[in-house]
């Protein structure tokens, strides 16, 4: 096992003459870029499974103040488009140049897409601010063992039940906002959908109770969109010790 900075772990097979682990670490660091370092190397069993033997993981979705404004604006616009689509599909209306719906055009089958593209982008002044207290309230509702089917981008897993040990939303003195999730496993794009949903709640486009509704109904369509992947970091993977909040841990 090779441990990289921020506790990333990779598993490699080394052919040829056996090499002591410390020698491998030095060899890797000679050819790695300066912002990526091997912290340690240790021998593992031949059948070691980096995915199957994980006890818990920590993901962090972080963004600064300017990025937060951009994320809020994008999500706010997407929500306005969703609302226009839904209203047009039900009422058979069309969208005018200002994004308002005009009645009398019976194109229900193709209406939503046309409406979506005619909703104008909001200006910065009209985008609601992000309230961290609402996001924190919603994040607490994620903690526990639940069916997180509404928080996955696609299926394919044997089960969508996961345990979230901790989910926090914090902002430091520089304005950096960090959404941190710790759990025994995560579905495809799960943390990014959590981030998008919390931002949606933070700008007032949904109540914190949306989290409970998603967990109850397993309805993906009411969630926020997945937030951009470039702000997501896998911070830690634990193989040896159960999470302190894991109620399944032995006494």
Protein backbone atom coordinates (compact mmCIF):
# COMPACT_ATOMS: atom_id res chain seq x y z
CA UNK A 1 0.00 0.00 0.00
CA UNK A 2 1.27 3.46 -0.88
CA UNK A 3 0.01 6.42 1.14
CA UNK A 4 -0.07 9.77 -0.65
CA UNK A 5 -0.68 13.25 0.75
CA UNK A 6 -4.22 13.79 2.11
CA UNK A 7 -4.30 10.03 2.93
CA UNK A 8 -4.88 8.76 -0.60
CA UNK A 9 -4.02 5.08 -0.88
CA UNK A 10 -3.05 3.14 -3.97
CA UNK A 11 -2.26 -0.55 -4.41
CA UNK A 12 0.54 -1.60 -6.78
CA UNK A 13 2.27 -4.83 -7.72
CA UNK A 14 6.05 -4.48 -7.91
CA UNK A 15 7.72 -6.99 -10.24
CA UNK A 16 11.32 -8.15 -10.05
CA UNK A 17 13.65 -8.08 -7.07
CA UNK A 18 11.84 -7.27 -3.79
CA UNK A 19 12.39 -3.69 -2.65
CA UNK A 20 12.11 -2.39 0.91
CA UNK A 21 9.06 -0.11 1.30
CA UNK A 22 11.08 2.96 2.34
CA UNK A 23 13.16 2.62 -0.80
CA UNK A 24 10.02 2.59 -2.94
CA UNK A 25 8.77 5.80 -1.32
CA UNK A 26 11.99 7.61 -2.15
CA UNK A 27 11.97 6.24 -5.70
CA UNK A 28 8.42 7.40 -6.35
CA UNK A 29 9.10 10.88 -4.97
CA UNK A 30 12.02 11.33 -7.34
CA UNK A 31 9.71 11.21 -10.35
CA UNK A 32 6.51 12.70 -8.91
CA UNK A 33 5.64 16.41 -9.35
CA UNK A 34 6.43 18.57 -6.28
CA UNK A 35 2.78 18.91 -5.24
CA UNK A 36 2.29 15.13 -5.00
CA UNK A 37 4.32 13.12 -2.48
CA UNK A 38 4.35 9.54 -1.22
CA UNK A 39 4.23 9.66 2.57
CA UNK A 40 4.79 5.99 3.28
CA UNK A 41 4.77 2.53 1.73
CA UNK A 42 3.90 -0.74 3.45
CA UNK A 43 3.48 -4.34 2.39
CA UNK A 44 -0.06 -5.69 2.19
CA UNK A 45 -1.64 -9.09 1.75
CA UNK A 46 -2.00 -10.30 -1.81
CA UNK A 47 -5.79 -10.29 -1.46
CA UNK A 48 -6.00 -6.77 0.03
CA UNK A 49 -9.01 -4.92 -1.46
CA UNK A 50 -8.65 -1.08 -1.30
CA UNK A 51 -12.39 -0.65 -1.83
CA UNK A 52 -13.90 -3.59 0.01
CA UNK A 53 -11.83 -3.18 3.17
CA UNK A 54 -12.59 0.50 3.69
CA UNK A 55 -14.00 1.28 7.17
CA UNK A 56 -14.99 4.86 6.34
CA UNK A 57 -14.14 7.83 4.11
CA UNK A 58 -14.07 11.58 4.38
CA UNK A 59 -14.99 13.85 1.46
CA UNK A 60 -14.76 17.63 1.48
CA UNK A 61 -16.48 19.97 -0.96
CA UNK A 62 -14.83 23.40 -0.62
CA UNK A 63 -15.25 26.71 -2.42
CA UNK A 64 -14.26 30.32 -1.81
CA UNK A 65 -16.59 33.33 -1.74
CA UNK A 66 -16.42 34.21 -5.48
CA UNK A 67 -16.98 30.57 -6.41
CA UNK A 68 -19.88 30.44 -3.97
CA UNK A 69 -21.55 33.35 -5.78
CA UNK A 70 -21.07 31.56 -9.10
CA UNK A 71 -22.47 28.27 -7.72
CA UNK A 72 -25.50 30.05 -6.25
CA UNK A 73 -26.17 31.89 -9.50
CA UNK A 74 -25.95 28.71 -11.56
CA UNK A 75 -28.20 26.77 -9.21
CA UNK A 76 -30.70 29.66 -8.95
CA UNK A 77 -30.93 29.86 -12.74
CA UNK A 78 -31.35 26.10 -13.02
CA UNK A 79 -34.19 26.22 -10.47
CA UNK A 80 -35.93 29.00 -12.40
CA UNK A 81 -35.65 26.91 -15.55
CA UNK A 82 -37.06 23.86 -13.76
CA UNK A 83 -40.00 25.89 -12.51
CA UNK A 84 -40.70 27.28 -15.98
CA UNK A 85 -40.56 23.77 -17.47
CA UNK A 86 -42.98 22.41 -14.90
CA UNK A 87 -45.43 25.27 -15.33
CA UNK A 88 -45.31 25.04 -19.12
CA UNK A 89 -45.81 21.27 -19.09
CA UNK A 90 -48.88 21.57 -16.88
CA UNK A 91 -50.43 24.69 -18.40
CA UNK A 92 -49.34 24.40 -22.00
CA UNK A 93 -47.83 27.88 -21.89
CA UNK A 94 -44.78 29.22 -23.68
CA UNK A 95 -42.06 31.53 -22.49
CA UNK A 96 -41.74 35.07 -23.73
CA UNK A 97 -38.46 36.87 -24.21
CA UNK A 98 -38.46 37.90 -20.56
CA UNK A 99 -38.97 34.32 -19.38
CA UNK A 100 -42.66 34.81 -18.54
CA UNK A 101 -45.11 32.18 -19.72
CA UNK A 102 -47.50 32.93 -22.57
CA UNK A 103 -50.66 30.88 -22.89
CA UNK A 104 -52.28 29.50 -26.01
CA UNK A 105 -49.58 27.37 -27.63
CA UNK A 106 -50.41 23.67 -27.46
CA UNK A 107 -46.94 22.08 -27.68
CA UNK A 108 -46.85 20.17 -24.42
CA UNK A 109 -44.60 17.40 -25.69
CA UNK A 110 -41.80 19.76 -26.75
CA UNK A 111 -42.64 22.73 -24.57
CA UNK A 112 -40.35 22.20 -21.54
CA UNK A 113 -37.07 22.26 -23.47
CA UNK A 114 -38.11 25.37 -25.41
CA UNK A 115 -39.15 27.08 -22.21
CA UNK A 116 -35.90 26.18 -20.44
CA UNK A 117 -33.71 27.82 -23.06
CA UNK A 118 -35.76 31.03 -23.00
CA UNK A 119 -35.44 31.73 -19.28
CA UNK A 120 -32.93 34.59 -19.04
CA UNK A 121 -29.91 34.30 -16.77
CA UNK A 122 -30.40 36.25 -13.53
CA UNK A 123 -28.13 39.14 -12.70
CA UNK A 124 -25.93 38.94 -9.61
CA UNK A 125 -28.16 41.29 -7.63
CA UNK A 126 -31.19 39.01 -7.98
CA UNK A 127 -29.44 35.86 -6.75
CA UNK A 128 -30.34 35.10 -3.10
CA UNK A 129 -27.42 34.96 -0.64
CA UNK A 130 -26.32 31.64 0.81
CA UNK A 131 -27.30 31.12 4.46
CA UNK A 132 -25.03 28.63 6.19
CA UNK A 133 -27.39 28.11 9.12
CA UNK A 134 -30.00 26.63 6.78
CA UNK A 135 -27.36 24.40 5.20
CA UNK A 136 -26.12 23.24 8.61
CA UNK A 137 -29.65 22.41 9.72
CA UNK A 138 -30.20 20.35 6.57
CA UNK A 139 -26.80 18.63 6.82
CA UNK A 140 -27.65 17.23 10.25
CA UNK A 141 -30.63 15.40 8.72
CA UNK A 142 -28.26 13.33 6.58
CA UNK A 143 -26.57 11.72 9.58
CA UNK A 144 -27.52 8.11 10.19
CA UNK A 145 -28.24 4.98 8.17
CA UNK A 146 -30.59 5.73 5.27
CA UNK A 147 -31.45 4.71 1.74
CA UNK A 148 -29.65 7.39 -0.28
CA UNK A 149 -31.14 6.42 -3.67
CA UNK A 150 -32.25 10.03 -4.19
CA UNK A 151 -28.62 11.15 -3.87
CA UNK A 152 -27.11 9.03 -6.65
CA UNK A 153 -26.68 10.00 -10.29
CA UNK A 154 -27.25 6.48 -11.60
CA UNK A 155 -27.97 2.99 -10.30
CA UNK A 156 -26.01 -0.22 -10.47
CA UNK A 157 -25.11 -0.71 -6.81
CA UNK A 158 -26.33 -3.77 -4.92
CA UNK A 159 -27.76 -1.51 -2.23
CA UNK A 160 -28.18 2.24 -1.88
CA UNK A 161 -28.22 2.11 1.92
CA UNK A 162 -25.29 3.96 3.45
CA UNK A 163 -24.35 5.33 6.88
CA UNK A 164 -23.29 8.95 7.22
CA UNK A 165 -21.45 9.51 10.50
CA UNK A 166 -20.99 13.26 10.14
CA UNK A 167 -21.97 16.03 7.73
CA UNK A 168 -20.91 19.60 8.50
CA UNK A 169 -20.98 22.97 6.78
CA UNK A 170 -18.34 25.43 7.99
CA UNK A 171 -16.88 28.73 6.82
CA UNK A 172 -13.42 29.91 7.86
CA UNK A 173 -12.11 33.45 8.35
CA UNK A 174 -11.14 33.71 4.66
CA UNK A 175 -14.68 32.94 3.50
CA UNK A 176 -13.89 29.38 2.40
CA UNK A 177 -16.97 27.18 2.76
CA UNK A 178 -16.39 23.46 3.40
CA UNK A 179 -19.06 20.77 3.23
CA UNK A 180 -17.51 17.69 4.88
CA UNK A 181 -19.10 14.23 4.80
CA UNK A 182 -17.85 11.16 6.63
CA UNK A 183 -19.47 7.79 5.98
CA UNK A 184 -18.98 4.08 5.42
CA UNK A 185 -19.45 4.51 1.67
CA UNK A 186 -20.84 6.84 -0.98
CA UNK A 187 -22.85 6.37 -4.17
CA UNK A 188 -21.94 7.77 -7.59
CA UNK A 189 -21.87 11.61 -7.34
CA UNK A 190 -23.49 11.37 -3.91
CA UNK A 191 -21.38 14.04 -2.22
CA UNK A 192 -21.73 16.40 -5.19
CA UNK A 193 -25.52 15.98 -5.09
CA UNK A 194 -25.46 16.58 -1.33
CA UNK A 195 -23.49 19.79 -1.94
CA UNK A 196 -25.85 20.96 -4.67
CA UNK A 197 -28.89 20.22 -2.52
CA UNK A 198 -27.44 22.03 0.50
CA UNK A 199 -26.65 25.07 -1.66
CA UNK A 200 -30.21 24.97 -3.02
CA UNK A 201 -31.45 25.03 0.56
CA UNK A 202 -28.92 27.70 1.53
CA UNK A 203 -30.21 30.18 -1.05
CA UNK A 204 -33.80 29.60 0.02
CA UNK A 205 -35.00 27.63 -3.02
CA UNK A 206 -36.00 24.76 -0.71
CA UNK A 207 -36.52 24.16 3.00
CA UNK A 208 -34.09 22.09 5.09
CA UNK A 209 -36.88 19.51 5.32
CA UNK A 210 -36.15 18.71 1.65
CA UNK A 211 -33.47 16.31 2.92
CA UNK A 212 -36.02 14.36 4.94
CA UNK A 213 -38.39 14.30 1.97
CA UNK A 214 -35.67 12.92 -0.31
CA UNK A 215 -34.78 10.21 2.19
CA UNK A 216 -38.46 9.31 2.58
CA UNK A 217 -39.55 9.37 -1.07
CA UNK A 218 -36.20 8.44 -2.76
CA UNK A 219 -37.09 11.09 -5.35
CA UNK A 220 -33.96 12.27 -7.16
CA UNK A 221 -35.83 14.91 -9.18
CA UNK A 222 -36.40 17.20 -6.19
CA UNK A 223 -32.71 17.35 -5.25
CA UNK A 224 -30.27 20.03 -6.25
CA UNK A 225 -28.03 19.36 -9.27
CA UNK A 226 -24.60 17.79 -8.74
CA UNK A 227 -22.14 20.57 -7.95
CA UNK A 228 -18.99 20.78 -10.16
CA UNK A 229 -16.49 18.00 -9.48
CA UNK A 230 -13.42 20.23 -9.34
CA UNK A 231 -14.23 21.44 -5.83
CA UNK A 232 -14.52 17.92 -4.37
CA UNK A 233 -11.62 16.20 -2.58
CA UNK A 234 -11.34 12.74 -1.06
CA UNK A 235 -9.57 13.67 2.17
CA UNK A 236 -9.21 10.38 4.01
CA UNK A 237 -9.79 6.64 3.64
CA UNK A 238 -9.62 4.59 6.84
CA UNK A 239 -8.80 0.88 6.74
CA UNK A 240 -7.89 0.07 10.33
CA UNK A 241 -10.18 1.83 12.81
CA UNK A 242 -13.95 2.21 12.87
CA UNK A 243 -15.34 5.74 12.87
CA UNK A 244 -15.81 7.16 16.40
CA UNK A 245 -19.50 7.66 15.65
CA UNK A 246 -20.00 4.15 14.28
CA UNK A 247 -22.61 2.64 16.57
CA UNK A 248 -21.79 -0.78 15.13
CA UNK A 249 -18.28 -0.64 16.58
CA UNK A 250 -17.59 -3.11 19.42
CA UNK A 251 -17.47 -1.78 22.94
